[in-house]
N, C-alpha and C. Protein backbone atom coordinates (compact mmCIF):
# COMPACT_ATOMS: atom_id res chain seq x y z
N GLY A 1 -13.83 -70.19 10.18
CA GLY A 1 -15.27 -69.47 9.36
C GLY A 1 -14.95 -68.02 9.79
N VAL A 2 -16.11 -67.29 10.18
CA VAL A 2 -16.40 -65.65 10.42
C VAL A 2 -15.80 -65.36 12.15
N TRP A 3 -16.57 -66.47 12.76
CA TRP A 3 -16.24 -66.44 13.95
C TRP A 3 -14.42 -65.78 14.18
N ARG A 4 -13.42 -66.88 13.70
CA ARG A 4 -11.97 -67.04 14.02
C ARG A 4 -11.47 -65.13 13.19
N GLN A 5 -11.84 -65.14 12.30
CA GLN A 5 -11.81 -63.92 11.77
C GLN A 5 -12.33 -62.78 12.53
N THR A 6 -13.51 -62.42 13.10
CA THR A 6 -13.74 -61.29 13.72
C THR A 6 -12.53 -61.52 15.38
N ARG A 7 -12.28 -62.73 15.85
CA ARG A 7 -11.50 -63.12 16.92
C ARG A 7 -10.32 -62.68 16.45
N ALA A 8 -9.96 -62.84 15.44
CA ALA A 8 -8.25 -62.75 15.15
C ALA A 8 -8.50 -61.15 14.91
N LEU A 9 -9.17 -60.30 14.19
CA LEU A 9 -9.27 -59.21 14.14
C LEU A 9 -9.31 -57.94 15.05
N LEU A 10 -9.95 -58.56 16.10
CA LEU A 10 -10.38 -57.79 17.53
C LEU A 10 -8.98 -57.67 18.12
N PHE A 11 -8.44 -59.25 18.03
CA PHE A 11 -6.69 -59.06 18.75
C PHE A 11 -5.78 -58.49 18.22
N LYS A 12 -5.84 -58.40 16.83
CA LYS A 12 -5.16 -57.42 16.14
C LYS A 12 -5.44 -55.73 16.58
N ASN A 13 -6.31 -55.26 16.48
CA ASN A 13 -6.87 -54.04 17.26
C ASN A 13 -6.64 -53.80 18.70
N CYS A 14 -6.94 -54.84 19.22
CA CYS A 14 -6.01 -54.66 20.81
C CYS A 14 -4.91 -53.88 21.18
N LEU A 15 -3.93 -55.45 19.99
CA LEU A 15 -2.56 -55.24 20.29
C LEU A 15 -1.60 -53.41 19.44
N ILE A 16 -2.90 -53.53 18.76
CA ILE A 16 -2.50 -51.89 18.03
C ILE A 16 -2.68 -50.77 19.01
N LYS A 17 -3.77 -51.01 19.78
CA LYS A 17 -4.63 -50.38 20.54
C LYS A 17 -3.51 -49.83 22.11
N CYS A 18 -2.81 -51.00 22.13
CA CYS A 18 -1.51 -51.27 23.36
C CYS A 18 -0.22 -50.93 22.91
N ARG A 19 0.27 -50.70 21.94
CA ARG A 19 1.18 -50.76 22.09
C ARG A 19 1.30 -48.66 21.45
N THR A 20 0.59 -48.32 20.81
CA THR A 20 0.31 -47.08 20.41
C THR A 20 -0.45 -46.35 21.55
N LYS A 21 0.12 -46.65 23.04
CA LYS A 21 -1.08 -45.39 23.75
C LYS A 21 -0.94 -44.00 23.58
N LYS A 22 -0.07 -43.46 23.07
CA LYS A 22 -0.50 -41.75 22.42
C LYS A 22 -1.24 -41.78 22.05
N SER A 23 -1.49 -42.22 21.29
CA SER A 23 -2.86 -42.03 20.01
C SER A 23 -4.13 -42.83 20.64
N SER A 24 -3.91 -43.48 21.29
CA SER A 24 -5.75 -44.23 22.08
C SER A 24 -5.92 -43.84 23.01
N VAL A 25 -5.09 -42.69 23.29
CA VAL A 25 -5.44 -41.75 24.82
C VAL A 25 -5.64 -40.18 23.98
N GLN A 26 -5.09 -39.64 23.16
CA GLN A 26 -5.60 -38.32 22.42
C GLN A 26 -6.81 -39.04 21.68
N GLU A 27 -7.17 -40.15 21.33
CA GLU A 27 -8.85 -40.35 20.50
C GLU A 27 -9.54 -40.65 21.53
N VAL A 28 -9.53 -40.84 22.74
CA VAL A 28 -10.17 -40.36 23.91
C VAL A 28 -10.20 -39.45 24.10
N LEU A 29 -9.49 -38.46 24.80
CA LEU A 29 -9.45 -37.23 25.70
C LEU A 29 -9.81 -36.12 24.49
N PHE A 30 -9.16 -36.19 23.03
CA PHE A 30 -9.82 -34.87 22.15
C PHE A 30 -11.47 -34.75 22.18
N PRO A 31 -11.52 -35.63 22.03
CA PRO A 31 -13.57 -35.34 21.70
C PRO A 31 -13.96 -34.81 23.25
N LEU A 32 -13.14 -35.37 24.32
CA LEU A 32 -14.09 -35.20 25.98
C LEU A 32 -13.42 -33.91 25.66
N PHE A 33 -12.45 -33.39 25.66
CA PHE A 33 -11.34 -31.70 25.60
C PHE A 33 -12.86 -31.03 24.93
N PHE A 34 -12.84 -31.21 24.03
CA PHE A 34 -13.84 -30.21 23.20
C PHE A 34 -15.54 -30.56 23.54
N LEU A 35 -15.76 -31.50 24.15
CA LEU A 35 -16.85 -31.23 24.90
C LEU A 35 -16.73 -30.78 25.92
N PHE A 36 -15.92 -30.51 26.83
CA PHE A 36 -16.24 -29.79 28.09
C PHE A 36 -15.82 -28.10 27.38
N TRP A 37 -15.10 -27.87 26.11
CA TRP A 37 -15.35 -26.46 25.53
C TRP A 37 -16.01 -25.84 25.36
N LEU A 38 -17.48 -26.56 24.59
CA LEU A 38 -18.49 -26.28 24.17
C LEU A 38 -19.34 -26.24 25.10
N ILE A 39 -19.52 -26.79 26.51
CA ILE A 39 -19.93 -26.80 27.38
C ILE A 39 -19.78 -25.33 28.10
N LEU A 40 -18.63 -24.92 28.44
CA LEU A 40 -17.82 -23.75 28.70
C LEU A 40 -18.67 -22.56 28.36
N MET A 41 -18.20 -22.89 26.89
CA MET A 41 -18.28 -21.32 26.24
C MET A 41 -20.43 -21.07 26.28
N SER A 42 -21.02 -22.62 26.07
CA SER A 42 -22.03 -21.84 26.60
C SER A 42 -22.56 -21.63 27.90
N MET A 43 -22.14 -21.76 28.91
CA MET A 43 -22.58 -21.35 30.05
C MET A 43 -21.73 -20.21 29.83
N MET A 44 -20.67 -19.35 29.70
CA MET A 44 -20.22 -18.55 29.50
C MET A 44 -21.33 -16.96 28.90
N HIS A 45 -21.69 -18.20 27.93
CA HIS A 45 -22.96 -17.03 26.83
C HIS A 45 -24.68 -17.60 26.56
N PRO A 46 -24.71 -17.24 27.61
CA PRO A 46 -26.10 -18.20 28.30
C PRO A 46 -27.24 -17.92 27.48
N HIS A 47 -28.50 -18.42 27.37
CA HIS A 47 -29.62 -17.55 26.10
C HIS A 47 -30.37 -16.62 27.02
N ARG A 48 -30.44 -15.03 26.25
CA ARG A 48 -30.91 -14.49 26.68
C ARG A 48 -32.82 -15.10 26.92
N LYS A 49 -33.36 -14.71 28.33
CA LYS A 49 -34.81 -15.03 28.49
C LYS A 49 -35.21 -13.25 28.58
N TYR A 50 -35.75 -12.75 27.42
CA TYR A 50 -36.55 -11.68 27.66
C TYR A 50 -38.35 -11.67 28.35
N ASP A 51 -38.85 -11.23 29.21
CA ASP A 51 -39.84 -10.85 29.90
C ASP A 51 -40.95 -10.92 28.58
N GLU A 52 -42.08 -11.33 29.71
CA GLU A 52 -43.61 -10.71 28.07
C GLU A 52 -43.50 -9.44 28.53
N VAL A 53 -44.05 -9.18 27.44
CA VAL A 53 -44.40 -7.59 27.31
C VAL A 53 -46.04 -7.14 27.45
N ALA A 54 -46.08 -6.67 28.17
CA ALA A 54 -47.67 -6.11 29.29
C ALA A 54 -48.73 -5.90 27.39
N ASN A 55 -49.44 -5.84 27.50
CA ASN A 55 -50.51 -5.04 26.51
C ASN A 55 -50.76 -3.56 26.92
N THR A 56 -50.50 -2.98 26.07
CA THR A 56 -51.15 -1.65 26.56
C THR A 56 -51.80 -1.08 25.51
N ASN A 57 -53.00 0.39 26.08
CA ASN A 57 -53.66 0.96 24.87
C ASN A 57 -52.76 2.17 24.51
N LEU A 58 -52.12 2.03 23.45
CA LEU A 58 -51.83 3.35 23.51
C LEU A 58 -52.63 4.88 22.67
N GLY A 59 -53.73 4.76 22.50
CA GLY A 59 -54.28 5.36 22.11
C GLY A 59 -54.66 5.88 20.75
N GLN A 60 -55.80 6.67 20.21
CA GLN A 60 -55.31 6.80 18.90
C GLN A 60 -54.25 7.21 18.26
N LEU A 61 -54.83 6.96 17.29
CA LEU A 61 -53.36 7.67 16.23
C LEU A 61 -53.66 8.68 15.17
N ASP A 62 -52.71 9.38 15.83
CA ASP A 62 -52.89 11.19 14.97
C ASP A 62 -52.99 10.78 13.60
N THR A 63 -53.54 11.41 13.09
CA THR A 63 -53.65 11.20 11.36
C THR A 63 -53.70 11.82 10.87
N SER A 64 -53.54 13.55 11.45
CA SER A 64 -53.36 14.53 10.54
C SER A 64 -51.73 14.74 10.32
N VAL A 65 -51.17 14.04 11.03
CA VAL A 65 -49.75 13.74 11.11
C VAL A 65 -49.36 13.44 9.62
N LEU A 66 -50.20 12.66 9.17
CA LEU A 66 -50.20 11.89 7.83
C LEU A 66 -50.29 12.40 6.49
N VAL A 67 -50.92 13.62 6.33
CA VAL A 67 -51.34 14.58 5.81
C VAL A 67 -50.49 14.47 4.76
N ASN A 68 -50.85 14.16 3.56
CA ASN A 68 -49.80 14.51 2.09
C ASN A 68 -48.33 13.55 2.37
N PHE A 69 -48.81 12.54 3.23
CA PHE A 69 -47.91 11.39 3.71
C PHE A 69 -46.78 10.72 2.01
N VAL A 70 -45.98 10.89 1.71
CA VAL A 70 -45.67 9.87 0.40
C VAL A 70 -44.30 8.70 1.08
N ILE A 71 -45.25 7.08 0.58
CA ILE A 71 -43.89 6.47 1.12
C ILE A 71 -43.99 5.58 -0.35
N GLY A 72 -42.81 5.84 -0.85
CA GLY A 72 -42.15 5.07 -2.20
C GLY A 72 -41.48 4.04 -1.98
N TYR A 73 -41.05 2.91 -2.97
CA TYR A 73 -40.56 1.60 -3.05
C TYR A 73 -40.28 1.19 -3.91
N THR A 74 -39.36 0.18 -3.95
CA THR A 74 -38.93 -0.06 -4.91
C THR A 74 -38.05 -1.69 -4.73
N PRO A 75 -38.51 -2.56 -5.49
CA PRO A 75 -38.88 -3.36 -6.74
C PRO A 75 -40.38 -3.04 -6.90
N PRO A 76 -40.28 -2.28 -8.11
CA PRO A 76 -41.95 -2.91 -8.23
C PRO A 76 -42.99 -4.41 -8.50
N THR A 77 -42.57 -4.96 -7.21
CA THR A 77 -43.10 -6.45 -7.97
C THR A 77 -44.62 -6.76 -7.22
N ARG A 78 -44.92 -7.90 -7.53
CA ARG A 78 -46.39 -8.33 -6.59
C ARG A 78 -46.78 -8.24 -5.62
N LEU A 79 -45.82 -8.80 -4.63
CA LEU A 79 -45.51 -8.73 -3.22
C LEU A 79 -45.15 -7.44 -2.68
N ALA A 80 -44.80 -6.69 -3.31
CA ALA A 80 -44.37 -5.42 -3.07
C ALA A 80 -45.49 -4.55 -2.91
N ARG A 81 -46.06 -4.44 -4.78
CA ARG A 81 -47.73 -3.47 -4.27
C ARG A 81 -48.64 -4.35 -3.63
N GLU A 82 -48.48 -5.55 -3.16
CA GLU A 82 -49.67 -6.38 -2.37
C GLU A 82 -49.19 -5.72 -0.92
N ILE A 83 -47.74 -5.37 -0.35
CA ILE A 83 -47.62 -5.16 1.17
C ILE A 83 -48.08 -3.57 1.13
N MET A 84 -47.81 -2.50 0.10
CA MET A 84 -47.80 -1.35 0.20
C MET A 84 -49.17 -0.61 -0.12
N LYS A 85 -50.08 -1.48 -0.72
CA LYS A 85 -51.44 -1.46 -0.55
C LYS A 85 -52.66 -1.69 1.13
N LYS A 86 -51.94 -2.95 1.12
CA LYS A 86 -52.25 -2.98 2.77
C LYS A 86 -51.88 -1.97 3.48
N VAL A 87 -50.63 -1.56 3.92
CA VAL A 87 -50.47 0.02 4.64
C VAL A 87 -51.18 0.95 4.02
N ALA A 88 -51.61 1.50 2.59
CA ALA A 88 -52.05 2.75 2.37
C ALA A 88 -53.35 2.32 2.55
N PHE A 89 -54.23 1.16 1.97
CA PHE A 89 -55.95 1.69 2.34
C PHE A 89 -56.35 0.54 4.19
N ASP A 90 -55.81 -0.30 3.69
CA ASP A 90 -56.24 -1.11 5.27
C ASP A 90 -56.46 -0.76 6.61
N ASN A 91 -54.81 0.66 6.72
CA ASN A 91 -55.02 0.45 8.33
C ASN A 91 -54.75 2.52 8.47
N PHE A 92 -55.42 2.98 7.48
CA PHE A 92 -55.96 3.99 7.56
C PHE A 92 -57.13 4.48 6.76
N GLU A 93 -58.20 5.48 6.82
CA GLU A 93 -59.12 5.25 6.40
C GLU A 93 -58.76 6.49 5.04
N ASP A 94 -58.17 7.49 5.12
CA ASP A 94 -58.10 8.32 4.27
C ASP A 94 -57.14 7.65 2.67
N GLY A 95 -55.95 7.03 3.56
CA GLY A 95 -54.71 6.55 3.10
C GLY A 95 -53.52 7.33 2.81
N ILE A 96 -52.46 6.26 2.46
CA ILE A 96 -51.50 7.16 2.56
C ILE A 96 -51.05 7.10 0.81
N ILE A 97 -50.53 7.93 0.36
CA ILE A 97 -50.21 8.26 -0.82
C ILE A 97 -48.70 7.13 -1.40
N THR A 98 -49.07 5.93 -2.00
CA THR A 98 -47.94 4.73 -1.81
C THR A 98 -47.08 5.23 -4.08
N GLU A 99 -45.83 5.59 -3.88
CA GLU A 99 -45.51 5.38 -5.60
C GLU A 99 -44.42 4.39 -5.97
N GLU A 100 -44.05 4.06 -6.56
CA GLU A 100 -43.32 2.63 -7.09
C GLU A 100 -42.60 3.46 -8.15
N TYR A 101 -41.33 3.23 -7.94
CA TYR A 101 -39.97 3.49 -8.53
C TYR A 101 -39.17 2.14 -9.29
N LEU A 102 -38.69 2.08 -10.00
CA LEU A 102 -37.84 1.26 -10.94
C LEU A 102 -36.55 0.84 -10.17
N SER A 103 -36.02 2.09 -9.86
CA SER A 103 -34.39 1.54 -9.22
C SER A 103 -34.76 2.45 -7.73
N GLU A 104 -33.22 2.30 -7.17
CA GLU A 104 -32.79 2.90 -6.11
C GLU A 104 -32.58 3.79 -6.46
N GLU A 105 -31.96 4.13 -7.70
CA GLU A 105 -31.70 5.80 -7.60
C GLU A 105 -32.66 6.48 -8.21
N GLU A 106 -34.08 6.06 -8.46
CA GLU A 106 -34.82 6.70 -8.35
C GLU A 106 -35.77 7.83 -7.18
N LEU A 107 -35.61 5.97 -6.43
CA LEU A 107 -35.75 6.48 -5.10
C LEU A 107 -35.35 7.70 -4.34
N GLU A 108 -34.03 7.55 -4.23
CA GLU A 108 -33.08 8.56 -3.64
C GLU A 108 -33.29 9.70 -4.58
N GLU A 109 -33.03 9.95 -5.68
CA GLU A 109 -33.73 11.28 -5.97
C GLU A 109 -35.02 11.59 -5.82
N ALA A 110 -35.91 11.03 -5.80
CA ALA A 110 -37.45 11.51 -5.18
C ALA A 110 -37.40 11.99 -4.02
N SER A 111 -36.89 11.23 -3.09
CA SER A 111 -36.33 11.52 -1.65
C SER A 111 -35.75 13.07 -1.16
N THR A 112 -34.88 13.39 -2.11
CA THR A 112 -34.43 14.73 -2.06
C THR A 112 -35.21 16.05 -2.72
N PHE A 113 -36.31 15.04 -3.16
CA PHE A 113 -37.21 16.37 -3.54
C PHE A 113 -38.77 16.90 -2.55
N LYS A 114 -38.91 15.46 -2.14
CA LYS A 114 -39.63 15.64 -1.08
C LYS A 114 -39.39 15.01 0.19
N PRO A 115 -38.20 15.62 0.80
CA PRO A 115 -37.77 15.35 2.22
C PRO A 115 -38.77 15.60 3.64
N SER A 116 -39.52 16.14 3.67
CA SER A 116 -40.14 16.51 5.39
C SER A 116 -41.21 15.07 4.87
N ASN A 117 -41.79 15.02 4.09
CA ASN A 117 -42.80 14.09 4.19
C ASN A 117 -42.57 12.41 3.47
N PHE A 118 -41.54 11.94 3.24
CA PHE A 118 -41.29 11.19 2.04
C PHE A 118 -39.53 10.40 2.77
N VAL A 119 -41.08 8.83 2.68
CA VAL A 119 -40.39 7.37 3.00
C VAL A 119 -40.04 6.80 1.94
N GLY A 120 -39.02 6.22 1.59
CA GLY A 120 -38.97 5.04 1.25
C GLY A 120 -38.07 3.80 1.40
N VAL A 121 -39.12 2.49 0.86
CA VAL A 121 -38.51 1.33 1.16
C VAL A 121 -38.22 0.55 0.43
N VAL A 122 -37.15 0.20 0.27
CA VAL A 122 -36.46 -0.71 -0.64
C VAL A 122 -36.70 -2.30 -0.29
N PHE A 123 -37.27 -3.10 -0.77
CA PHE A 123 -37.71 -4.30 -0.38
C PHE A 123 -36.38 -5.15 -0.95
N LYS A 124 -35.32 -5.68 -0.35
CA LYS A 124 -34.44 -6.97 -0.65
C LYS A 124 -34.98 -8.27 -1.03
N ASP A 125 -35.85 -8.37 0.07
CA ASP A 125 -36.31 -10.18 -1.22
C ASP A 125 -37.92 -10.64 0.03
N SER A 126 -38.36 -11.35 -0.16
CA SER A 126 -39.85 -11.29 0.71
C SER A 126 -39.70 -11.18 2.04
N MET A 127 -38.87 -11.50 2.42
CA MET A 127 -38.48 -11.52 4.12
C MET A 127 -37.73 -9.97 4.68
N SER A 128 -37.02 -8.97 3.61
CA SER A 128 -36.45 -8.51 4.39
C SER A 128 -36.66 -6.87 3.57
N TYR A 129 -36.38 -5.77 4.21
CA TYR A 129 -36.40 -4.19 3.57
C TYR A 129 -35.69 -3.29 4.54
N GLN A 130 -35.42 -2.15 3.52
CA GLN A 130 -34.61 -0.93 4.23
C GLN A 130 -35.31 0.01 4.12
N LEU A 131 -36.09 0.23 5.00
CA LEU A 131 -36.08 2.21 5.08
C LEU A 131 -35.69 3.06 4.92
N ARG A 132 -35.63 4.04 3.53
CA ARG A 132 -34.71 4.89 3.30
C ARG A 132 -35.47 6.17 3.87
N PHE A 133 -34.75 7.32 4.40
CA PHE A 133 -35.19 8.71 4.98
C PHE A 133 -34.25 9.41 3.70
N HIS A 134 -34.74 11.02 3.97
CA HIS A 134 -33.66 11.88 3.38
C HIS A 134 -32.56 11.72 3.58
N ASP A 135 -32.13 11.86 4.87
CA ASP A 135 -30.59 11.46 5.60
C ASP A 135 -29.75 10.19 5.63
N SER A 136 -30.93 9.15 6.21
CA SER A 136 -30.48 8.21 6.81
C SER A 136 -31.07 7.16 6.10
N ILE A 137 -30.91 5.72 6.72
CA ILE A 137 -31.15 4.30 6.13
C ILE A 137 -30.93 3.66 7.57
N ALA A 138 -32.50 3.00 7.48
CA ALA A 138 -32.73 2.42 8.73
C ALA A 138 -32.89 0.74 8.29
N MET A 139 -32.02 0.16 8.55
CA MET A 139 -32.60 -1.37 8.60
C MET A 139 -33.62 -2.00 9.31
N SER A 140 -34.30 -3.30 8.43
CA SER A 140 -35.43 -3.90 9.87
C SER A 140 -34.85 -4.53 10.58
N SER A 141 -35.36 -4.61 11.71
CA SER A 141 -35.00 -5.32 12.85
C SER A 141 -35.51 -6.87 12.75
N ILE A 142 -34.48 -7.67 12.67
CA ILE A 142 -34.95 -9.23 12.82
C ILE A 142 -33.68 -10.08 14.36
N TYR A 143 -35.40 -10.70 14.69
CA TYR A 143 -35.24 -10.84 15.98
C TYR A 143 -34.33 -12.23 15.87
N THR A 144 -33.01 -12.24 16.46
CA THR A 144 -31.97 -13.52 16.01
C THR A 144 -31.60 -14.19 17.07
N GLU A 145 -32.01 -15.37 17.38
CA GLU A 145 -31.78 -16.13 18.86
C GLU A 145 -30.58 -16.41 19.16
N SER A 146 -29.94 -16.49 20.62
CA SER A 146 -28.48 -16.41 20.57
C SER A 146 -27.73 -18.27 20.18
N ARG A 147 -26.36 -18.36 19.60
CA ARG A 147 -26.00 -19.49 19.10
C ARG A 147 -25.76 -20.41 19.97
């Protein structure tokens, strides 16, 4: 029955492995080689561990710099409005002027007319954004771990 068929199949597989020694050795050594290669690569590029930054008092924010400060943002979604409302009213007593624009082109056009006190925010999705200044673009920093 079943035992006789299983024994015959195992004997057949052993004969095949003995007759094809080169491919049998490759089946064993290639995974070991790739495992060694991965270990070597991980040792060459170790994970960086950053030390903890101590809490320090930065002092009071000089709000006189923020007088007539304008933050423009696009696209005018519900999430963007909530974020900009928090920025304007929850963090500063006097509030910062926020303006919404329908497109990035309108935002860039507005930044040319108000270059000294204007910052544009372009929300790419719910987790990323770009800051637009009169003459440059600043990307949001995202912490990524080592591969």
